[in-house]
Amino acid sequence: MIRKFLILTTILVSALTASAEFRWGPTAGVNFSTFHWKQDLAKTSMLCGGQAGVMGEIMIPGIGFGINLGLNYNLHGAHVDFGEHEVWASDGIKNQDVWLHTIEIPVNLRFKWTRMNGFERTLAPFVFGGPVFTFTAATNDAPAVEHPAGYVAMQCGAGIELFEHWQISGGYSWGISYQVRTYKLDNYSAQYRGGFINVAYLF
């Protein structure tokens, strides 16, 4: 599915090069994340993190379709009750917050309502969705788990553009490949789940 999406995105970018409108700018926001384990063993609860970076938007004039790309730093994680289970407690591992510092590259298709008799210059709603390619930069001290060098997630969401520059958006992201895996239990891994709220200013 991701391969087909990337092919479609490449075709769209090629078609846009002659007439597209490109904008870019800084973005920042908060996220609310947790881990979805393969089996319901370690109780896990949500943590609040944040992200910041730059985004670019390429839109087809007049019809509202386009793509947006980004390069973001993201801090997210979850609280995991490892200490409640003997398999980890026997090693002195307690309940702890597991944090990941990652670099994200989102690639979203988007649609923005642009034919609203001029009102879109004040407020224009939009929707978006696509894959997020994530690379693990660093983690906190979490001896119970290991992390891959990178993983892939999907995201979707909606937002509004104000005065043709400010964009406020929110959405949900879910991992396709695993993000953390325990050392002691074979194949006991978890995928990322979480919501986010972002604010961007496009030049």
Protein backbone atom coordinates (compact mmCIF):
# COMPACT_ATOMS: atom_id res chain seq x y z
CA MET A 1 0.00 0.00 0.00
CA ILE A 2 2.82 2.40 0.88
CA ARG A 3 4.58 1.59 -2.40
CA LYS A 4 1.45 2.46 -4.39
CA PHE A 5 1.07 5.66 -2.38
CA LEU A 6 4.66 6.69 -3.13
CA ILE A 7 4.20 5.97 -6.85
CA LEU A 8 1.03 8.09 -6.85
CA THR A 9 2.82 10.86 -4.97
CA THR A 10 5.72 10.82 -7.45
CA ILE A 11 3.32 11.09 -10.39
CA LEU A 12 1.49 13.94 -8.68
CA VAL A 13 4.70 15.84 -7.93
CA SER A 14 5.81 15.45 -11.55
CA ALA A 15 2.49 16.77 -12.80
CA LEU A 16 2.65 19.74 -10.44
CA THR A 17 6.10 21.05 -11.30
CA ALA A 18 4.95 23.38 -14.07
CA SER A 19 1.99 25.08 -12.40
CA ALA A 20 2.02 24.21 -8.71
CA GLU A 21 2.04 26.69 -5.87
CA PHE A 22 4.76 25.86 -3.36
CA ARG A 23 4.90 27.24 0.18
CA TRP A 24 6.91 26.31 3.22
CA GLY A 25 7.30 27.31 6.84
CA PRO A 26 7.88 26.27 10.45
CA THR A 27 5.54 23.96 12.35
CA ALA A 28 5.24 22.89 15.99
CA GLY A 29 2.78 21.05 18.15
CA VAL A 30 1.98 18.51 20.85
CA ASN A 31 1.25 14.80 20.70
CA PHE A 32 -0.47 12.27 22.96
CA SER A 33 1.09 8.86 22.41
CA THR A 34 1.04 5.28 23.65
CA PHE A 35 2.17 1.80 22.56
CA HIS A 36 -0.10 -0.92 21.19
CA TRP A 37 1.42 -4.28 22.18
CA LYS A 38 0.87 -7.54 20.32
CA GLN A 39 -0.49 -9.13 23.49
CA ASP A 40 -2.21 -7.45 26.43
CA LEU A 41 0.50 -8.07 29.03
CA ALA A 42 2.24 -4.86 30.08
CA LYS A 43 -0.22 -2.13 31.07
CA THR A 44 0.57 1.01 29.09
CA SER A 45 -0.68 4.57 29.44
CA MET A 46 -0.40 7.73 27.38
CA LEU A 47 2.26 10.44 27.61
CA CYS A 48 2.26 13.99 26.23
CA GLY A 49 5.18 14.97 24.01
CA GLY A 50 5.91 17.47 21.28
CA GLN A 51 7.24 18.01 17.78
CA ALA A 52 8.74 20.83 15.72
CA GLY A 53 10.18 21.21 12.24
CA VAL A 54 9.49 22.54 8.78
CA MET A 55 6.81 21.65 6.25
CA GLY A 56 6.25 22.33 2.58
CA GLU A 57 2.97 22.41 0.69
CA ILE A 58 2.48 21.93 -3.06
CA MET A 59 -1.06 22.65 -4.29
CA ILE A 60 -2.69 22.54 -7.73
CA PRO A 61 -4.20 26.00 -8.28
CA GLY A 62 -7.97 26.12 -8.53
CA ILE A 63 -8.90 22.56 -7.53
CA GLY A 64 -7.46 22.23 -4.02
CA PHE A 65 -5.53 18.96 -4.39
CA GLY A 66 -1.87 18.67 -3.48
CA ILE A 67 0.71 17.19 -1.16
CA ASN A 68 2.63 18.31 1.86
CA LEU A 69 6.04 17.12 3.04
CA GLY A 70 7.83 17.68 6.31
CA LEU A 71 11.01 17.18 8.31
CA ASN A 72 10.27 17.10 12.02
CA TYR A 73 11.84 16.32 15.37
CA ASN A 74 9.38 14.34 17.49
CA LEU A 75 9.48 13.42 21.18
CA HIS A 76 6.91 10.80 22.17
CA GLY A 77 6.51 7.67 24.25
CA ALA A 78 4.40 5.84 26.81
CA HIS A 79 4.36 4.82 30.46
CA VAL A 80 4.75 1.04 30.76
CA ASP A 81 4.18 -0.98 33.95
CA PHE A 82 7.09 -3.40 33.53
CA GLY A 83 7.57 -3.66 37.29
CA GLU A 84 4.21 -5.40 37.73
CA HIS A 85 5.53 -8.57 36.05
CA GLU A 86 8.12 -10.93 37.49
CA VAL A 87 9.88 -11.39 34.14
CA TRP A 88 11.10 -7.78 34.38
CA ALA A 89 10.85 -7.12 38.12
CA SER A 90 13.37 -9.93 38.76
CA ASP A 91 15.95 -7.78 36.93
CA GLY A 92 15.12 -4.71 39.00
CA ILE A 93 13.16 -3.07 36.18
CA LYS A 94 10.36 -0.86 37.48
CA ASN A 95 7.39 0.90 35.96
CA GLN A 96 8.80 3.63 33.76
CA ASP A 97 8.29 6.20 31.03
CA VAL A 98 9.74 5.11 27.68
CA TRP A 99 10.69 8.14 25.55
CA LEU A 100 11.87 8.20 21.94
CA HIS A 101 13.55 11.07 20.10
CA THR A 102 12.83 10.62 16.41
CA ILE A 103 13.17 12.35 13.04
CA GLU A 104 9.99 12.17 10.96
CA ILE A 105 9.33 12.63 7.25
CA PRO A 106 5.55 12.82 6.62
CA VAL A 107 4.28 12.60 3.04
CA ASN A 108 0.58 13.53 2.87
CA LEU A 109 -1.97 13.87 0.13
CA ARG A 110 -4.29 16.72 0.98
CA PHE A 111 -7.44 18.45 -0.20
CA LYS A 112 -8.21 22.05 0.67
CA TRP A 113 -11.55 23.74 -0.01
CA THR A 114 -10.61 26.72 -2.16
CA ARG A 115 -13.83 27.59 -4.00
CA MET A 116 -15.87 29.37 -1.36
CA ASN A 117 -16.52 32.71 -3.10
CA GLY A 118 -13.48 34.36 -1.59
CA PHE A 119 -14.11 33.21 1.98
CA GLU A 120 -11.21 30.74 1.60
CA ARG A 121 -8.83 33.71 1.89
CA THR A 122 -10.04 34.03 5.49
CA LEU A 123 -10.69 30.40 6.38
CA ALA A 124 -10.14 27.26 4.31
CA PRO A 125 -10.70 23.76 5.76
CA PHE A 126 -8.51 20.87 4.62
CA VAL A 127 -8.03 17.13 5.13
CA PHE A 128 -4.87 15.06 4.72
CA GLY A 129 -3.45 11.57 5.01
CA GLY A 130 -0.39 9.51 4.17
CA PRO A 131 2.67 7.65 5.48
CA VAL A 132 5.22 8.90 7.99
CA PHE A 133 8.79 7.59 7.71
CA THR A 134 10.45 7.76 11.12
CA PHE A 135 14.07 7.32 12.20
CA THR A 136 15.06 6.77 15.83
CA ALA A 137 17.66 9.33 16.92
CA ALA A 138 17.87 8.58 20.66
CA THR A 139 15.95 7.12 23.61
CA ASN A 140 15.90 7.47 27.35
CA ASP A 141 17.25 4.75 29.66
CA ALA A 142 14.70 1.94 29.19
CA PRO A 143 16.53 -1.37 29.80
CA ALA A 144 13.51 -3.57 29.09
CA VAL A 145 13.15 -2.64 25.42
CA GLU A 146 15.08 -2.19 22.20
CA HIS A 147 14.22 0.04 19.26
CA PRO A 148 14.62 -0.37 15.48
CA ALA A 149 16.55 2.20 13.49
CA GLY A 150 13.29 3.29 11.91
CA TYR A 151 9.66 2.44 11.38
CA VAL A 152 6.67 3.42 9.25
CA ALA A 153 3.32 4.81 10.38
CA MET A 154 0.19 6.16 8.72
CA GLN A 155 -1.60 9.34 9.67
CA CYS A 156 -4.77 11.21 8.78
CA GLY A 157 -6.37 14.39 9.99
CA ALA A 158 -8.06 17.69 9.27
CA GLY A 159 -7.51 21.36 9.90
CA ILE A 160 -8.14 24.93 8.88
CA GLU A 161 -6.04 27.57 7.16
CA LEU A 162 -6.47 31.13 8.43
CA PHE A 163 -5.70 34.25 6.38
CA GLU A 164 -3.77 32.18 3.78
CA HIS A 165 -0.80 31.64 6.13
CA TRP A 166 -1.67 30.03 9.47
CA GLN A 167 -2.61 26.35 9.54
CA ILE A 168 -4.03 24.59 12.60
CA SER A 169 -4.47 20.83 12.27
CA GLY A 170 -5.08 17.71 14.30
CA GLY A 171 -5.00 14.04 13.50
CA TYR A 172 -4.25 10.47 14.47
CA SER A 173 -1.22 8.31 13.69
CA TRP A 174 -0.79 4.55 13.95
CA GLY A 175 2.28 2.42 13.39
CA ILE A 176 2.52 -0.18 10.65
CA SER A 177 5.85 -1.64 11.76
CA TYR A 178 6.94 -2.05 15.38
CA GLN A 179 8.58 0.76 17.37
CA VAL A 180 9.69 -1.02 20.55
CA ARG A 181 10.39 -4.66 21.40
CA THR A 182 11.28 -6.33 24.70
CA TYR A 183 14.59 -8.11 25.17
CA LYS A 184 13.35 -10.94 27.37
CA LEU A 185 10.16 -12.02 25.59
CA ASP A 186 10.54 -13.19 22.00
CA ASN A 187 8.51 -11.23 19.47
CA TYR A 188 6.76 -9.11 22.12
CA SER A 189 6.63 -5.77 20.33
CA ALA A 190 4.50 -2.66 20.16
CA GLN A 191 3.42 -0.18 17.53
CA TYR A 192 2.96 3.55 17.97
CA ARG A 193 -0.52 5.01 18.48
CA GLY A 194 -1.33 8.64 19.11
CA GLY A 195 -3.02 11.90 18.31
CA PHE A 196 -1.42 15.26 17.54
CA ILE A 197 -2.18 18.96 17.22
CA ASN A 198 0.03 21.18 15.05
CA VAL A 199 0.32 24.85 14.19
CA ALA A 200 2.21 25.99 11.08
CA TYR A 201 2.93 29.29 9.37
CA LEU A 202 3.48 29.09 5.60
CA PHE A 203 5.27 31.83 3.67
